[in-house]
């Protein structure tokens, strides 16, 4: 399990974190571990995490939030083979996965939503109202 720890707990730089993830060494083709990759995006009102999870059923995914730690885990079952079937090539990875993210204090943990559609898990982590940008009226004297 890989833990992402942010340098400054008062400021989350998702693009810096994303750059660190992208600089990781790619896994060799024969690595049997199923480890989905995540996209992290930010808009003015929320952070959005997305992961490709083709073949993973909704009931095989667990999302939990404990304080500022978001944990996403699950598993993808291998297809059953018959005795007469011979595998010529196997590139699809199966098994369990788990990822943990440390969230900034600006996330409203009570409003987090998770959705699985067309093999893509999307988590929307809204920002607390006081952390969202707002316009300030300018008064004329």
N, C-alpha and C. Protein backbone atom coordinates (compact mmCIF):
# COMPACT_ATOMS: atom_id res chain seq x y z
N UNK A 1 0.85 -1.17 0.00
CA UNK A 1 0.00 0.00 0.00
C UNK A 1 0.89 1.23 0.00
N UNK A 2 0.57 2.16 -0.85
CA UNK A 2 1.35 3.39 -0.96
C UNK A 2 0.63 4.51 -0.25
N UNK A 3 1.33 5.24 0.60
CA UNK A 3 0.74 6.37 1.31
C UNK A 3 1.27 7.65 0.70
N UNK A 4 0.38 8.58 0.46
CA UNK A 4 0.75 9.88 -0.05
C UNK A 4 0.72 10.84 1.14
N UNK A 5 1.85 11.45 1.43
CA UNK A 5 1.92 12.40 2.53
C UNK A 5 2.27 13.75 1.94
N UNK A 6 1.51 14.73 2.30
CA UNK A 6 1.71 16.07 1.78
C UNK A 6 2.69 16.83 2.67
N UNK A 7 3.53 17.63 2.05
CA UNK A 7 4.56 18.35 2.81
C UNK A 7 3.99 19.39 3.75
N UNK A 8 3.11 20.22 3.28
CA UNK A 8 2.54 21.28 4.09
C UNK A 8 1.06 20.97 4.30
N UNK A 9 0.65 20.62 5.53
CA UNK A 9 -0.74 20.23 5.73
C UNK A 9 -1.74 21.35 5.48
N UNK A 10 -1.29 22.61 5.43
CA UNK A 10 -2.20 23.71 5.18
C UNK A 10 -2.41 23.98 3.70
N UNK A 11 -1.60 23.37 2.86
CA UNK A 11 -1.71 23.61 1.42
C UNK A 11 -1.51 22.31 0.68
N UNK A 12 -2.45 21.96 -0.17
CA UNK A 12 -2.35 20.74 -0.96
C UNK A 12 -2.12 21.12 -2.39
N UNK A 13 -1.04 20.65 -2.96
CA UNK A 13 -0.72 20.91 -4.35
C UNK A 13 -0.97 19.62 -5.14
N UNK A 14 -2.20 19.43 -5.67
CA UNK A 14 -2.48 18.18 -6.35
C UNK A 14 -1.62 17.96 -7.59
N UNK A 15 -1.20 19.05 -8.23
CA UNK A 15 -0.39 18.89 -9.43
C UNK A 15 1.03 18.44 -9.08
N UNK A 16 1.56 18.93 -7.96
CA UNK A 16 2.86 18.46 -7.49
C UNK A 16 2.79 17.00 -7.11
N UNK A 17 1.70 16.61 -6.44
CA UNK A 17 1.51 15.22 -6.05
C UNK A 17 1.35 14.35 -7.28
N UNK A 18 0.59 14.83 -8.26
CA UNK A 18 0.40 14.09 -9.49
C UNK A 18 1.73 13.90 -10.22
N UNK A 19 2.56 14.94 -10.25
CA UNK A 19 3.87 14.83 -10.90
C UNK A 19 4.72 13.76 -10.21
N UNK A 20 4.63 13.68 -8.88
CA UNK A 20 5.38 12.65 -8.16
C UNK A 20 4.88 11.26 -8.54
N UNK A 21 3.55 11.10 -8.67
CA UNK A 21 3.01 9.80 -9.06
C UNK A 21 3.46 9.42 -10.46
N UNK A 22 3.45 10.38 -11.38
CA UNK A 22 3.80 10.08 -12.76
C UNK A 22 5.28 9.77 -12.93
N UNK A 23 6.11 10.23 -12.00
CA UNK A 23 7.54 9.97 -12.11
C UNK A 23 7.92 8.60 -11.58
N UNK A 24 6.96 7.86 -11.04
CA UNK A 24 7.25 6.52 -10.54
C UNK A 24 7.68 5.62 -11.69
N UNK A 25 8.49 4.62 -11.34
CA UNK A 25 8.90 3.65 -12.33
C UNK A 25 7.69 2.83 -12.77
N UNK A 26 7.51 2.62 -14.08
CA UNK A 26 6.39 1.79 -14.51
C UNK A 26 6.60 0.34 -14.07
N UNK A 27 5.52 -0.36 -13.87
CA UNK A 27 5.61 -1.76 -13.47
C UNK A 27 5.98 -2.61 -14.69
N UNK A 28 6.78 -3.64 -14.50
CA UNK A 28 7.08 -4.52 -15.62
C UNK A 28 5.81 -5.23 -16.10
N UNK A 29 5.79 -5.61 -17.37
CA UNK A 29 4.60 -6.23 -17.96
C UNK A 29 4.24 -7.53 -17.28
N UNK A 30 5.22 -8.23 -16.70
CA UNK A 30 4.93 -9.51 -16.06
C UNK A 30 4.61 -9.37 -14.57
N UNK A 31 4.46 -8.16 -14.07
CA UNK A 31 4.11 -7.92 -12.67
C UNK A 31 2.64 -8.31 -12.48
N UNK A 32 2.37 -9.27 -11.58
CA UNK A 32 1.00 -9.77 -11.44
C UNK A 32 0.08 -8.90 -10.58
N UNK A 33 0.55 -7.76 -10.10
CA UNK A 33 -0.23 -6.94 -9.19
C UNK A 33 -1.23 -6.07 -9.94
N UNK A 34 -2.48 -6.08 -9.47
CA UNK A 34 -3.51 -5.19 -10.02
C UNK A 34 -3.45 -3.91 -9.20
N UNK A 35 -3.00 -2.82 -9.81
CA UNK A 35 -2.85 -1.55 -9.11
C UNK A 35 -3.37 -0.43 -10.00
N UNK A 36 -4.66 -0.09 -9.86
CA UNK A 36 -5.21 0.97 -10.70
C UNK A 36 -4.58 2.31 -10.40
N UNK A 37 -4.45 3.12 -11.41
CA UNK A 37 -3.91 4.48 -11.27
C UNK A 37 -5.06 5.46 -11.07
N UNK A 38 -4.77 6.56 -10.39
CA UNK A 38 -5.78 7.57 -10.09
C UNK A 38 -5.43 8.89 -10.74
N UNK A 39 -6.46 9.63 -11.16
CA UNK A 39 -6.32 11.02 -11.57
C UNK A 39 -6.85 11.87 -10.43
N UNK A 40 -6.18 12.99 -10.14
CA UNK A 40 -6.62 13.91 -9.10
C UNK A 40 -6.78 15.28 -9.75
N UNK A 41 -7.99 15.83 -9.66
CA UNK A 41 -8.26 17.14 -10.23
C UNK A 41 -8.87 18.03 -9.16
N UNK A 42 -8.74 19.34 -9.37
CA UNK A 42 -9.32 20.30 -8.43
C UNK A 42 -10.08 21.35 -9.21
N UNK A 43 -11.28 21.67 -8.74
CA UNK A 43 -12.00 22.82 -9.27
C UNK A 43 -12.30 23.72 -8.07
N UNK A 44 -12.89 24.88 -8.28
CA UNK A 44 -13.09 25.80 -7.15
C UNK A 44 -13.89 25.22 -5.99
N UNK A 45 -14.77 24.25 -6.26
CA UNK A 45 -15.62 23.75 -5.19
C UNK A 45 -15.30 22.36 -4.68
N UNK A 46 -14.40 21.63 -5.36
CA UNK A 46 -14.16 20.24 -4.95
C UNK A 46 -12.87 19.68 -5.54
N UNK A 47 -12.44 18.58 -4.94
CA UNK A 47 -11.38 17.75 -5.50
C UNK A 47 -12.08 16.54 -6.10
N UNK A 48 -11.58 16.05 -7.23
CA UNK A 48 -12.19 14.90 -7.90
C UNK A 48 -11.10 13.86 -8.15
N UNK A 49 -11.32 12.66 -7.63
CA UNK A 49 -10.41 11.55 -7.86
C UNK A 49 -11.10 10.56 -8.77
N UNK A 50 -10.39 10.05 -9.77
CA UNK A 50 -10.94 9.07 -10.70
C UNK A 50 -9.96 7.92 -10.87
N UNK A 51 -10.50 6.71 -11.01
CA UNK A 51 -9.66 5.54 -11.23
C UNK A 51 -10.34 4.62 -12.22
N UNK A 52 -9.57 4.05 -13.13
CA UNK A 52 -10.09 3.05 -14.05
C UNK A 52 -10.15 1.71 -13.32
N UNK A 53 -11.34 1.16 -13.20
CA UNK A 53 -11.52 -0.13 -12.53
C UNK A 53 -12.37 -1.06 -13.39
N UNK A 54 -11.93 -1.34 -14.63
CA UNK A 54 -12.74 -2.20 -15.49
C UNK A 54 -12.85 -3.60 -14.88
N UNK A 55 -14.04 -4.14 -14.92
CA UNK A 55 -14.26 -5.49 -14.42
C UNK A 55 -14.41 -5.58 -12.91
N UNK A 56 -14.36 -4.47 -12.20
CA UNK A 56 -14.53 -4.48 -10.75
C UNK A 56 -15.99 -4.15 -10.45
N UNK A 57 -16.62 -5.00 -9.66
CA UNK A 57 -18.02 -4.80 -9.30
C UNK A 57 -18.14 -3.80 -8.16
N UNK A 58 -19.26 -3.11 -8.11
CA UNK A 58 -19.52 -2.12 -7.06
C UNK A 58 -19.36 -2.73 -5.67
N UNK A 59 -19.87 -3.95 -5.49
CA UNK A 59 -19.79 -4.59 -4.17
C UNK A 59 -18.37 -5.02 -3.80
N UNK A 60 -17.44 -4.97 -4.74
CA UNK A 60 -16.05 -5.34 -4.46
C UNK A 60 -15.16 -4.12 -4.19
N UNK A 61 -15.78 -2.95 -4.03
CA UNK A 61 -15.03 -1.72 -3.76
C UNK A 61 -15.43 -1.20 -2.38
N UNK A 62 -14.43 -0.77 -1.60
CA UNK A 62 -14.69 -0.17 -0.29
C UNK A 62 -14.01 1.19 -0.25
N UNK A 63 -14.77 2.20 0.17
CA UNK A 63 -14.24 3.55 0.33
C UNK A 63 -14.52 3.96 1.77
N UNK A 64 -13.47 4.39 2.47
CA UNK A 64 -13.66 4.82 3.86
C UNK A 64 -12.89 6.10 4.11
N UNK A 65 -13.40 6.88 5.03
CA UNK A 65 -12.78 8.14 5.42
C UNK A 65 -12.61 8.12 6.93
N UNK A 66 -11.37 8.21 7.39
CA UNK A 66 -11.06 8.22 8.81
C UNK A 66 -10.24 9.48 9.08
N UNK A 67 -10.90 10.50 9.61
CA UNK A 67 -10.22 11.78 9.81
C UNK A 67 -9.87 12.37 8.46
N UNK A 68 -8.58 12.56 8.21
CA UNK A 68 -8.14 13.10 6.92
C UNK A 68 -7.55 12.04 6.01
N UNK A 69 -7.81 10.76 6.31
CA UNK A 69 -7.29 9.66 5.49
C UNK A 69 -8.43 9.00 4.71
N UNK A 70 -8.33 9.08 3.39
CA UNK A 70 -9.28 8.44 2.49
C UNK A 70 -8.66 7.14 2.00
N UNK A 71 -9.35 6.03 2.20
CA UNK A 71 -8.84 4.73 1.78
C UNK A 71 -9.79 4.13 0.77
N UNK A 72 -9.24 3.68 -0.35
CA UNK A 72 -10.00 3.06 -1.42
C UNK A 72 -9.38 1.68 -1.64
N UNK A 73 -10.18 0.64 -1.51
CA UNK A 73 -9.67 -0.71 -1.70
C UNK A 73 -10.70 -1.54 -2.43
N UNK A 74 -10.26 -2.67 -2.93
CA UNK A 74 -11.16 -3.56 -3.64
C UNK A 74 -10.41 -4.71 -4.27
N UNK A 75 -11.11 -5.46 -5.09
CA UNK A 75 -10.45 -6.55 -5.82
C UNK A 75 -11.19 -6.87 -7.10
N UNK A 76 -10.44 -7.43 -8.03
CA UNK A 76 -11.00 -7.87 -9.31
C UNK A 76 -10.72 -9.36 -9.42
N UNK A 77 -11.79 -10.12 -9.61
CA UNK A 77 -11.69 -11.57 -9.70
C UNK A 77 -11.25 -11.98 -11.10
N UNK A 78 -10.47 -13.04 -11.15
CA UNK A 78 -10.09 -13.57 -12.47
C UNK A 78 -11.26 -14.35 -13.03
N UNK A 79 -11.30 -14.44 -14.35
CA UNK A 79 -12.36 -15.21 -14.99
C UNK A 79 -12.05 -16.69 -14.80
N UNK A 80 -13.09 -17.48 -14.67
CA UNK A 80 -12.90 -18.92 -14.47
C UNK A 80 -12.57 -19.58 -15.80
N UNK A 81 -11.59 -20.46 -15.74
CA UNK A 81 -11.19 -21.18 -16.95
C UNK A 81 -11.67 -22.62 -16.87
N UNK A 82 -11.98 -23.16 -18.01
CA UNK A 82 -12.34 -24.57 -18.06
C UNK A 82 -11.07 -25.40 -18.18
N UNK A 83 -11.18 -26.68 -17.89
CA UNK A 83 -10.01 -27.58 -17.95
C UNK A 83 -9.43 -27.66 -19.36
N UNK A 84 -10.27 -27.50 -20.38
CA UNK A 84 -9.80 -27.64 -21.76
C UNK A 84 -9.19 -26.35 -22.31
N UNK A 85 -9.27 -25.29 -21.53
CA UNK A 85 -8.80 -23.97 -21.98
C UNK A 85 -7.31 -23.81 -21.68
N UNK A 86 -6.54 -23.33 -22.67
CA UNK A 86 -5.12 -23.04 -22.46
C UNK A 86 -4.90 -21.55 -22.67
N UNK A 87 -4.22 -20.92 -21.74
CA UNK A 87 -3.93 -19.49 -21.85
C UNK A 87 -2.70 -19.31 -22.72
N UNK A 88 -2.82 -18.52 -23.78
CA UNK A 88 -1.72 -18.22 -24.68
C UNK A 88 -1.04 -16.90 -24.32
N UNK A 89 -1.82 -15.97 -23.78
CA UNK A 89 -1.30 -14.66 -23.38
C UNK A 89 -2.17 -14.15 -22.25
N UNK A 90 -1.55 -13.63 -21.20
CA UNK A 90 -2.32 -13.11 -20.07
C UNK A 90 -1.71 -11.77 -19.64
N UNK A 91 -2.38 -10.68 -19.99
CA UNK A 91 -1.92 -9.34 -19.62
C UNK A 91 -2.84 -8.66 -18.62
N UNK A 92 -4.05 -9.19 -18.45
CA UNK A 92 -5.00 -8.59 -17.53
C UNK A 92 -4.62 -8.97 -16.10
N UNK A 93 -4.58 -7.98 -15.23
CA UNK A 93 -4.19 -8.20 -13.84
C UNK A 93 -5.43 -8.36 -12.97
N UNK A 94 -5.31 -9.26 -12.00
CA UNK A 94 -6.39 -9.53 -11.08
C UNK A 94 -5.84 -9.47 -9.67
N UNK A 95 -6.73 -9.36 -8.71
CA UNK A 95 -6.32 -9.39 -7.32
C UNK A 95 -6.84 -8.18 -6.56
N UNK A 96 -6.26 -7.96 -5.39
CA UNK A 96 -6.69 -6.88 -4.50
C UNK A 96 -5.83 -5.64 -4.69
N UNK A 97 -6.42 -4.49 -4.38
CA UNK A 97 -5.68 -3.24 -4.40
C UNK A 97 -6.12 -2.39 -3.22
N UNK A 98 -5.27 -1.46 -2.84
CA UNK A 98 -5.59 -0.52 -1.77
C UNK A 98 -4.76 0.73 -1.97
N UNK A 99 -5.42 1.87 -1.89
CA UNK A 99 -4.74 3.17 -1.98
C UNK A 99 -5.24 4.04 -0.84
N UNK A 100 -4.35 4.85 -0.32
CA UNK A 100 -4.73 5.76 0.76
C UNK A 100 -4.23 7.16 0.43
N UNK A 101 -5.09 8.14 0.64
CA UNK A 101 -4.77 9.53 0.37
C UNK A 101 -4.98 10.34 1.64
N UNK A 102 -4.04 11.22 1.93
CA UNK A 102 -4.22 12.15 3.05
C UNK A 102 -4.83 13.42 2.47
N UNK A 103 -5.96 13.81 3.01
CA UNK A 103 -6.72 14.93 2.47
C UNK A 103 -6.42 16.22 3.20
N UNK A 104 -6.54 17.34 2.50
CA UNK A 104 -6.37 18.63 3.16
C UNK A 104 -7.56 18.90 4.09
N UNK A 105 -7.37 19.80 5.02
CA UNK A 105 -8.43 20.12 5.98
C UNK A 105 -9.62 20.80 5.32
N UNK A 106 -9.46 21.29 4.12
CA UNK A 106 -10.55 22.00 3.43
C UNK A 106 -11.63 21.07 2.91
N UNK A 107 -11.42 19.75 2.93
CA UNK A 107 -12.41 18.80 2.41
C UNK A 107 -13.53 18.63 3.43
N UNK A 108 -14.77 18.68 2.94
CA UNK A 108 -15.95 18.44 3.76
C UNK A 108 -16.24 16.94 3.73
N UNK A 109 -15.74 16.22 4.72
CA UNK A 109 -15.85 14.77 4.76
C UNK A 109 -17.28 14.24 4.81
N UNK A 110 -18.22 15.05 5.27
CA UNK A 110 -19.61 14.62 5.36
C UNK A 110 -20.30 14.59 4.00
N UNK A 111 -19.72 15.25 3.00
CA UNK A 111 -20.37 15.38 1.70
C UNK A 111 -19.68 14.58 0.58
N UNK A 112 -18.72 13.72 0.92
CA UNK A 112 -17.99 12.95 -0.09
C UNK A 112 -18.95 11.99 -0.80
N UNK A 113 -18.81 11.92 -2.13
CA UNK A 113 -19.66 11.04 -2.93
C UNK A 113 -18.77 10.15 -3.81
N UNK A 114 -19.18 8.89 -3.96
CA UNK A 114 -18.45 7.94 -4.81
C UNK A 114 -19.43 7.33 -5.80
N UNK A 115 -18.97 7.20 -7.06
CA UNK A 115 -19.83 6.67 -8.11
C UNK A 115 -18.99 5.77 -9.02
N UNK A 116 -19.53 4.61 -9.37
CA UNK A 116 -18.87 3.70 -10.31
C UNK A 116 -19.74 3.61 -11.55
N UNK A 117 -19.20 4.07 -12.67
CA UNK A 117 -19.96 4.05 -13.93
C UNK A 117 -19.02 3.68 -15.06
N UNK A 118 -19.42 2.70 -15.85
CA UNK A 118 -18.64 2.25 -17.01
C UNK A 118 -17.20 1.92 -16.65
N UNK A 119 -16.99 1.32 -15.47
CA UNK A 119 -15.65 0.91 -15.07
C UNK A 119 -14.77 2.02 -14.54
N UNK A 120 -15.34 3.20 -14.30
CA UNK A 120 -14.56 4.32 -13.75
C UNK A 120 -15.14 4.70 -12.39
N UNK A 121 -14.31 4.65 -11.36
CA UNK A 121 -14.70 5.09 -10.03
C UNK A 121 -14.38 6.57 -9.93
N UNK A 122 -15.39 7.38 -9.56
CA UNK A 122 -15.20 8.82 -9.40
C UNK A 122 -15.60 9.20 -7.99
N UNK A 123 -14.70 9.87 -7.29
CA UNK A 123 -14.99 10.39 -5.96
C UNK A 123 -14.97 11.90 -6.02
N UNK A 124 -16.02 12.52 -5.52
CA UNK A 124 -16.09 13.98 -5.45
C UNK A 124 -15.97 14.36 -3.98
N UNK A 125 -14.94 15.15 -3.68
CA UNK A 125 -14.66 15.58 -2.31
C UNK A 125 -14.88 17.08 -2.24
N UNK A 126 -16.10 17.51 -1.88
CA UNK A 126 -16.38 18.95 -1.85
C UNK A 126 -15.53 19.67 -0.81
N UNK A 127 -15.24 20.92 -1.12
CA UNK A 127 -14.52 21.77 -0.16
C UNK A 127 -15.54 22.36 0.81
N UNK A 128 -15.08 22.62 2.02
CA UNK A 128 -15.95 23.28 2.99
C UNK A 128 -16.30 24.66 2.46
N UNK A 129 -17.50 25.16 2.77
CA UNK A 129 -17.91 26.47 2.23
C UNK A 129 -16.90 27.58 2.53
N UNK A 130 -16.31 27.58 3.72
CA UNK A 130 -15.36 28.64 4.04
C UNK A 130 -14.05 28.53 3.26
N UNK A 131 -13.79 27.38 2.63
CA UNK A 131 -12.57 27.19 1.85
C UNK A 131 -12.79 27.49 0.36
N UNK A 132 -14.03 27.68 -0.05
CA UNK A 132 -14.31 27.93 -1.46
C UNK A 132 -14.11 29.41 -1.79
N UNK A 133 -13.67 29.67 -3.01
CA UNK A 133 -13.49 31.06 -3.41
C UNK A 133 -14.82 31.82 -3.37
N UNK A 134 -14.77 33.06 -3.03
CA UNK A 134 -15.98 33.89 -3.01
C UNK A 134 -15.63 35.29 -3.49
N UNK A 135 -16.65 35.94 -4.01
CA UNK A 135 -16.46 37.32 -4.48
C UNK A 135 -16.69 38.26 -3.32
N UNK A 136 -15.91 39.31 -3.31
CA UNK A 136 -16.05 40.34 -2.27
C UNK A 136 -16.47 41.61 -2.96
N UNK A 137 -17.58 42.16 -2.51
CA UNK A 137 -18.11 43.38 -3.10
C UNK A 137 -17.23 44.56 -2.74
N UNK A 138 -17.03 45.44 -3.69
CA UNK A 138 -16.26 46.66 -3.47
C UNK A 138 -17.26 47.81 -3.31
N UNK A 139 -17.19 48.48 -2.18
CA UNK A 139 -18.09 49.59 -1.91
C UNK A 139 -17.43 50.91 -2.33
N UNK A 140 -18.24 51.81 -2.81
CA UNK A 140 -17.75 53.13 -3.17
C UNK A 140 -17.94 54.07 -1.97
N UNK A 141 -16.93 54.86 -1.69
CA UNK A 141 -17.03 55.80 -0.55
C UNK A 141 -17.53 57.14 -1.03
